[in-house]
Amino acid sequence: MKKLLLLGVVICLLAVPVMAQSQIGLKGYGVHAGIVLPESPVESTLGFGARIDIGTITPTLHIAIILDYWSKSYDHGVGLGTNAEWKWSEIVIGPMATYYLSDMGTMKPYVGGGLGFTIAKWSWDYNDEFLGDMDSSGSDTELGFFGVAGIETALSTSMIGFAEAKYHLGGVDYLAIFAGIKILK
């Protein structure tokens, strides 16, 4: 019991300098859009999303809540009166931590990552003139992980532009290349 109490005191003492530097609260919000490159057999598509900046833990470690969405549907004609239509969609929502590397003048590079809930949906409709219509669909929610690397620059005193690459594992794995803006509060 004494060791557990001592460990708690040490953690609190170490957290005091970090908490003194932290600034948690709504700091801004933004939107992004770009290309999403899912794993096979899903083809590339457009994606978009939003983020809410909720502050800093240290001056270089920022926290945000992100939401990404992409969807893809396409017909796959098999031939001889047979046709199949595929539909895929995925929503990712969760926290993202970004670490800002050294300033490069007006550009600020960053790396980071996060955990998020991945909500995936898919359906498949198959039409054959001999066998008739068949369909299948499903959905899944799981915990996913993503890594991100990007760069941002100030567009004005209250607006920041950014470009980033994000690799997501969970549901349908994908690489996304996004560009967006953040409005500072």
C-alpha atoms as a PDB file:
ATOM      1  CA  MET A   1       0.000   0.000   0.000  1.00  0.00           C
ATOM      2  CA  LYS A   2       2.854   2.383   0.866  1.00  0.00           C
ATOM      3  CA  LYS A   3       4.509   1.701  -2.519  1.00  0.00           C
ATOM      4  CA  LEU A   4       1.252   2.491  -4.326  1.00  0.00           C
ATOM      5  CA  LEU A   5       0.833   5.720  -2.349  1.00  0.00           C
ATOM      6  CA  LEU A   6       4.445   6.710  -3.063  1.00  0.00           C
ATOM      7  CA  LEU A   7       3.938   5.993  -6.789  1.00  0.00           C
ATOM      8  CA  GLY A   8       0.824   8.200  -6.776  1.00  0.00           C
ATOM      9  CA  VAL A   9       2.722  11.080  -5.120  1.00  0.00           C
ATOM     10  CA  VAL A  10       5.591  10.773  -7.650  1.00  0.00           C
ATOM     11  CA  ILE A  11       3.151  10.806 -10.594  1.00  0.00           C
ATOM     12  CA  CYS A  12       1.407  13.898  -9.194  1.00  0.00           C
ATOM     13  CA  LEU A  13       4.726  15.700  -8.682  1.00  0.00           C
ATOM     14  CA  LEU A  14       5.800  14.885 -12.236  1.00  0.00           C
ATOM     15  CA  ALA A  15       2.433  15.971 -13.631  1.00  0.00           C
ATOM     16  CA  VAL A  16       2.485  19.414 -11.967  1.00  0.00           C
ATOM     17  CA  PRO A  17       4.993  20.964 -14.445  1.00  0.00           C
ATOM     18  CA  VAL A  18       3.135  19.435 -17.397  1.00  0.00           C
ATOM     19  CA  MET A  19      -0.253  20.635 -16.141  1.00  0.00           C
ATOM     20  CA  ALA A  20       1.200  24.101 -15.494  1.00  0.00           C
ATOM     21  CA  GLN A  21       2.070  24.299 -19.207  1.00  0.00           C
ATOM     22  CA  SER A  22      -1.166  22.773 -20.475  1.00  0.00           C
ATOM     23  CA  GLN A  23      -3.933  24.879 -21.945  1.00  0.00           C
ATOM     24  CA  ILE A  24      -6.975  22.662 -22.371  1.00  0.00           C
ATOM     25  CA  GLY A  25     -10.181  24.051 -23.845  1.00  0.00           C
ATOM     26  CA  LEU A  26     -11.653  24.857 -27.235  1.00  0.00           C
ATOM     27  CA  LYS A  27      -8.816  26.423 -29.230  1.00  0.00           C
ATOM     28  CA  GLY A  28     -10.191  26.117 -32.768  1.00  0.00           C
ATOM     29  CA  TYR A  29     -11.937  24.015 -35.365  1.00  0.00           C
ATOM     30  CA  GLY A  30     -11.340  23.070 -38.957  1.00  0.00           C
ATOM     31  CA  VAL A  31     -12.200  21.013 -42.004  1.00  0.00           C
ATOM     32  CA  HIS A  32     -10.149  18.977 -44.461  1.00  0.00           C
ATOM     33  CA  ALA A  33     -10.589  17.092 -47.725  1.00  0.00           C
ATOM     34  CA  GLY A  34      -8.417  14.994 -49.986  1.00  0.00           C
ATOM     35  CA  ILE A  35      -7.796  11.635 -51.561  1.00  0.00           C
ATOM     36  CA  VAL A  36      -8.181   8.335 -49.715  1.00  0.00           C
ATOM     37  CA  LEU A  37      -6.348   5.234 -50.924  1.00  0.00           C
ATOM     38  CA  PRO A  38      -7.966   2.201 -49.226  1.00  0.00           C
ATOM     39  CA  GLU A  39      -6.562  -1.299 -49.255  1.00  0.00           C
ATOM     40  CA  SER A  40      -7.563  -3.591 -52.104  1.00  0.00           C
ATOM     41  CA  PRO A  41     -10.223  -4.286 -53.399  1.00  0.00           C
ATOM     42  CA  VAL A  42     -11.587  -0.803 -52.604  1.00  0.00           C
ATOM     43  CA  GLU A  43     -10.456   1.783 -55.144  1.00  0.00           C
ATOM     44  CA  SER A  44      -9.284   5.326 -54.374  1.00  0.00           C
ATOM     45  CA  THR A  45     -11.890   7.940 -53.539  1.00  0.00           C
ATOM     46  CA  LEU A  46     -12.384  11.375 -52.034  1.00  0.00           C
ATOM     47  CA  GLY A  47     -12.644  11.848 -48.295  1.00  0.00           C
ATOM     48  CA  PHE A  48     -13.334  14.723 -45.961  1.00  0.00           C
ATOM     49  CA  GLY A  49     -13.503  15.456 -42.285  1.00  0.00           C
ATOM     50  CA  ALA A  50     -13.450  17.874 -39.403  1.00  0.00           C
ATOM     51  CA  ARG A  51     -11.409  18.521 -36.314  1.00  0.00           C
ATOM     52  CA  ILE A  52     -11.757  20.356 -33.034  1.00  0.00           C
ATOM     53  CA  ASP A  53      -8.537  21.578 -31.398  1.00  0.00           C
ATOM     54  CA  ILE A  54      -8.862  21.152 -27.658  1.00  0.00           C
ATOM     55  CA  GLY A  55      -5.546  22.597 -26.551  1.00  0.00           C
ATOM     56  CA  THR A  56      -2.011  21.753 -25.611  1.00  0.00           C
ATOM     57  CA  ILE A  57      -0.383  19.499 -23.046  1.00  0.00           C
ATOM     58  CA  THR A  58       2.985  21.197 -23.608  1.00  0.00           C
ATOM     59  CA  PRO A  59       3.833  24.009 -26.050  1.00  0.00           C
ATOM     60  CA  THR A  60       4.741  21.411 -28.712  1.00  0.00           C
ATOM     61  CA  LEU A  61       2.149  18.674 -27.959  1.00  0.00           C
ATOM     62  CA  HIS A  62      -1.355  19.477 -29.238  1.00  0.00           C
ATOM     63  CA  ILE A  63      -4.595  17.506 -28.811  1.00  0.00           C
ATOM     64  CA  ALA A  64      -7.563  17.451 -31.209  1.00  0.00           C
ATOM     65  CA  ILE A  65     -10.675  15.394 -31.865  1.00  0.00           C
ATOM     66  CA  ILE A  66     -10.902  14.278 -35.508  1.00  0.00           C
ATOM     67  CA  LEU A  67     -13.636  12.898 -37.730  1.00  0.00           C
ATOM     68  CA  ASP A  68     -12.787  11.389 -41.131  1.00  0.00           C
ATOM     69  CA  TYR A  69     -15.294  10.054 -43.676  1.00  0.00           C
ATOM     70  CA  TRP A  70     -14.942   8.375 -47.046  1.00  0.00           C
ATOM     71  CA  SER A  71     -17.240   6.352 -49.264  1.00  0.00           C
ATOM     72  CA  LYS A  72     -16.862   4.452 -52.509  1.00  0.00           C
ATOM     73  CA  SER A  73     -19.374   2.682 -54.721  1.00  0.00           C
ATOM     74  CA  TYR A  74     -18.913   1.245 -58.180  1.00  0.00           C
ATOM     75  CA  ASP A  75     -20.427  -1.198 -60.606  1.00  0.00           C
ATOM     76  CA  HIS A  76     -18.492  -4.241 -61.611  1.00  0.00           C
ATOM     77  CA  GLY A  77     -19.899  -5.743 -64.772  1.00  0.00           C
ATOM     78  CA  VAL A  78     -18.986  -9.401 -64.934  1.00  0.00           C
ATOM     79  CA  GLY A  79     -20.509  -9.912 -68.388  1.00  0.00           C
ATOM     80  CA  LEU A  80     -23.123 -12.255 -69.886  1.00  0.00           C
ATOM     81  CA  GLY A  81     -25.992 -10.474 -68.119  1.00  0.00           C
ATOM     82  CA  THR A  82     -24.278 -10.412 -64.723  1.00  0.00           C
ATOM     83  CA  ASN A  83     -23.621  -7.224 -62.781  1.00  0.00           C
ATOM     84  CA  ALA A  84     -22.395  -6.488 -59.254  1.00  0.00           C
ATOM     85  CA  GLU A  85     -22.461  -3.201 -57.328  1.00  0.00           C
ATOM     86  CA  TRP A  86     -20.124  -2.607 -54.364  1.00  0.00           C
ATOM     87  CA  LYS A  87     -20.523   0.097 -51.707  1.00  0.00           C
ATOM     88  CA  TRP A  88     -18.004   0.873 -48.963  1.00  0.00           C
ATOM     89  CA  SER A  89     -17.917   3.625 -46.342  1.00  0.00           C
ATOM     90  CA  GLU A  90     -15.939   4.358 -43.225  1.00  0.00           C
ATOM     91  CA  ILE A  91     -16.104   6.909 -40.425  1.00  0.00           C
ATOM     92  CA  VAL A  92     -13.228   7.395 -37.990  1.00  0.00           C
ATOM     93  CA  ILE A  93     -13.688   9.492 -34.861  1.00  0.00           C
ATOM     94  CA  GLY A  94     -11.279   9.915 -31.980  1.00  0.00           C
ATOM     95  CA  PRO A  95      -8.494  11.893 -30.332  1.00  0.00           C
ATOM     96  CA  MET A  96      -5.306  12.849 -32.166  1.00  0.00           C
ATOM     97  CA  ALA A  97      -2.071  14.044 -30.569  1.00  0.00           C
ATOM     98  CA  THR A  98       0.396  15.999 -32.689  1.00  0.00           C
ATOM     99  CA  TYR A  99       3.959  16.908 -31.794  1.00  0.00           C
ATOM    100  CA  TYR A 100       5.271  20.042 -33.483  1.00  0.00           C
ATOM    101  CA  LEU A 101       8.845  19.787 -34.673  1.00  0.00           C
ATOM    102  CA  SER A 102      11.088  22.844 -34.861  1.00  0.00           C
ATOM    103  CA  ASP A 103       9.745  25.866 -36.747  1.00  0.00           C
ATOM    104  CA  MET A 104      10.902  26.305 -40.329  1.00  0.00           C
ATOM    105  CA  GLY A 105      10.099  29.996 -40.660  1.00  0.00           C
ATOM    106  CA  THR A 106       6.391  30.251 -41.437  1.00  0.00           C
ATOM    107  CA  MET A 107       6.016  26.452 -41.803  1.00  0.00           C
ATOM    108  CA  LYS A 108       5.486  24.166 -38.795  1.00  0.00           C
ATOM    109  CA  PRO A 109       5.977  20.422 -39.452  1.00  0.00           C
ATOM    110  CA  TYR A 110       4.316  17.905 -37.138  1.00  0.00           C
ATOM    111  CA  VAL A 111       3.959  14.176 -36.512  1.00  0.00           C
ATOM    112  CA  GLY A 112       1.423  12.383 -34.403  1.00  0.00           C
ATOM    113  CA  GLY A 113      -1.229   9.766 -34.152  1.00  0.00           C
ATOM    114  CA  GLY A 114      -4.221   8.580 -32.268  1.00  0.00           C
ATOM    115  CA  LEU A 115      -6.793   5.937 -31.509  1.00  0.00           C
ATOM    116  CA  GLY A 116     -10.296   6.153 -32.834  1.00  0.00           C
ATOM    117  CA  PHE A 117     -13.482   4.262 -33.337  1.00  0.00           C
ATOM    118  CA  THR A 118     -13.717   2.967 -36.884  1.00  0.00           C
ATOM    119  CA  ILE A 119     -17.263   2.464 -38.152  1.00  0.00           C
ATOM    120  CA  ALA A 120     -17.198   0.552 -41.441  1.00  0.00           C
ATOM    121  CA  LYS A 121     -20.181  -0.352 -43.655  1.00  0.00           C
ATOM    122  CA  TRP A 122     -20.304  -2.327 -46.865  1.00  0.00           C
ATOM    123  CA  SER A 123     -22.861  -3.829 -49.200  1.00  0.00           C
ATOM    124  CA  TRP A 124     -22.776  -5.932 -52.311  1.00  0.00           C
ATOM    125  CA  ASP A 125     -25.658  -6.347 -54.780  1.00  0.00           C
ATOM    126  CA  TYR A 126     -25.380  -9.049 -57.424  1.00  0.00           C
ATOM    127  CA  ASN A 127     -27.734  -9.424 -60.352  1.00  0.00           C
ATOM    128  CA  ASP A 128     -27.583 -12.442 -62.654  1.00  0.00           C
ATOM    129  CA  GLU A 129     -30.147 -13.172 -65.358  1.00  0.00           C
ATOM    130  CA  PHE A 130     -30.012 -16.909 -64.554  1.00  0.00           C
ATOM    131  CA  LEU A 131     -29.484 -16.986 -60.773  1.00  0.00           C
ATOM    132  CA  GLY A 132     -31.496 -13.861 -59.926  1.00  0.00           C
ATOM    133  CA  ASP A 133     -30.674 -11.146 -57.408  1.00  0.00           C
ATOM    134  CA  MET A 134     -28.426 -11.638 -54.402  1.00  0.00           C
ATOM    135  CA  ASP A 135     -27.157  -9.154 -51.873  1.00  0.00           C
ATOM    136  CA  SER A 136     -25.055  -8.968 -48.768  1.00  0.00           C
ATOM    137  CA  SER A 137     -24.230  -6.176 -46.343  1.00  0.00           C
ATOM    138  CA  GLY A 138     -22.610  -5.637 -43.022  1.00  0.00           C
ATOM    139  CA  SER A 139     -21.041  -3.197 -40.649  1.00  0.00           C
ATOM    140  CA  ASP A 140     -18.381  -3.287 -38.014  1.00  0.00           C
ATOM    141  CA  THR A 141     -17.139  -0.953 -35.297  1.00  0.00           C
ATOM    142  CA  GLU A 142     -13.658  -1.446 -33.943  1.00  0.00           C
ATOM    143  CA  LEU A 143     -10.795   0.442 -32.400  1.00  0.00           C
ATOM    144  CA  GLY A 144      -8.339   1.699 -34.991  1.00  0.00           C
ATOM    145  CA  PHE A 145      -4.952   3.393 -34.859  1.00  0.00           C
ATOM    146  CA  PHE A 146      -3.565   6.076 -37.163  1.00  0.00           C
ATOM    147  CA  GLY A 147      -0.307   7.916 -37.667  1.00  0.00           C
ATOM    148  CA  VAL A 148      -0.065  11.363 -39.226  1.00  0.00           C
ATOM    149  CA  ALA A 149       2.660  13.647 -40.587  1.00  0.00           C
ATOM    150  CA  GLY A 150       2.016  17.124 -41.897  1.00  0.00           C
ATOM    151  CA  ILE A 151       2.911  20.744 -42.127  1.00  0.00           C
ATOM    152  CA  GLU A 152       0.941  23.891 -41.364  1.00  0.00           C
ATOM    153  CA  THR A 153       1.297  27.593 -42.026  1.00  0.00           C
ATOM    154  CA  ALA A 154      -0.538  30.711 -40.892  1.00  0.00           C
ATOM    155  CA  LEU A 155      -2.887  32.116 -43.546  1.00  0.00           C
ATOM    156  CA  SER A 156      -3.944  35.010 -41.307  1.00  0.00           C
ATOM    157  CA  THR A 157      -3.950  35.811 -37.597  1.00  0.00           C
ATOM    158  CA  SER A 158      -6.980  33.574 -37.080  1.00  0.00           C
ATOM    159  CA  MET A 159      -6.641  30.944 -39.851  1.00  0.00           C
ATOM    160  CA  ILE A 160      -4.117  28.145 -40.389  1.00  0.00           C
ATOM    161  CA  GLY A 161      -3.723  26.042 -43.528  1.00  0.00           C
ATOM    162  CA  PHE A 162      -2.364  22.499 -43.344  1.00  0.00           C
ATOM    163  CA  ALA A 163      -1.514  19.473 -45.467  1.00  0.00           C
ATOM    164  CA  GLU A 164      -1.035  16.007 -44.015  1.00  0.00           C
ATOM    165  CA  ALA A 165      -0.689  12.336 -44.790  1.00  0.00           C
ATOM    166  CA  LYS A 166      -2.519   9.911 -42.521  1.00  0.00           C
ATOM    167  CA  TYR A 167      -2.208   6.123 -42.431  1.00  0.00           C
ATOM    168  CA  HIS A 168      -5.080   4.360 -40.692  1.00  0.00           C
ATOM    169  CA  LEU A 169      -5.167   0.752 -39.447  1.00  0.00           C
ATOM    170  CA  GLY A 170      -8.573  -0.661 -38.545  1.00  0.00           C
ATOM    171  CA  GLY A 171     -11.671  -1.424 -40.585  1.00  0.00           C
ATOM    172  CA  VAL A 172     -10.447  -0.912 -44.133  1.00  0.00           C
ATOM    173  CA  ASP A 173      -6.819   0.242 -43.828  1.00  0.00           C
ATOM    174  CA  TYR A 174      -6.105   3.362 -45.860  1.00  0.00           C
ATOM    175  CA  LEU A 175      -3.651   6.116 -46.660  1.00  0.00           C
ATOM    176  CA  ALA A 176      -5.178   9.595 -46.901  1.00  0.00           C
ATOM    177  CA  ILE A 177      -3.662  12.823 -48.148  1.00  0.00           C
ATOM    178  CA  PHE A 178      -5.627  15.788 -46.820  1.00  0.00           C
ATOM    179  CA  ALA A 179      -5.445  19.579 -47.047  1.00  0.00           C
ATOM    180  CA  GLY A 180      -7.507  21.859 -44.869  1.00  0.00           C
ATOM    181  CA  ILE A 181      -7.940  24.947 -42.766  1.00  0.00           C
ATOM    182  CA  LYS A 182      -8.290  25.608 -39.053  1.00  0.00           C
ATOM    183  CA  ILE A 183      -9.990  28.650 -37.557  1.00  0.00           C
ATOM    184  CA  LEU A 184      -8.432  29.718 -34.273  1.00  0.00           C
ATOM    185  CA  LYS A 185     -10.716  30.721 -31.448  1.00  0.00           C
END
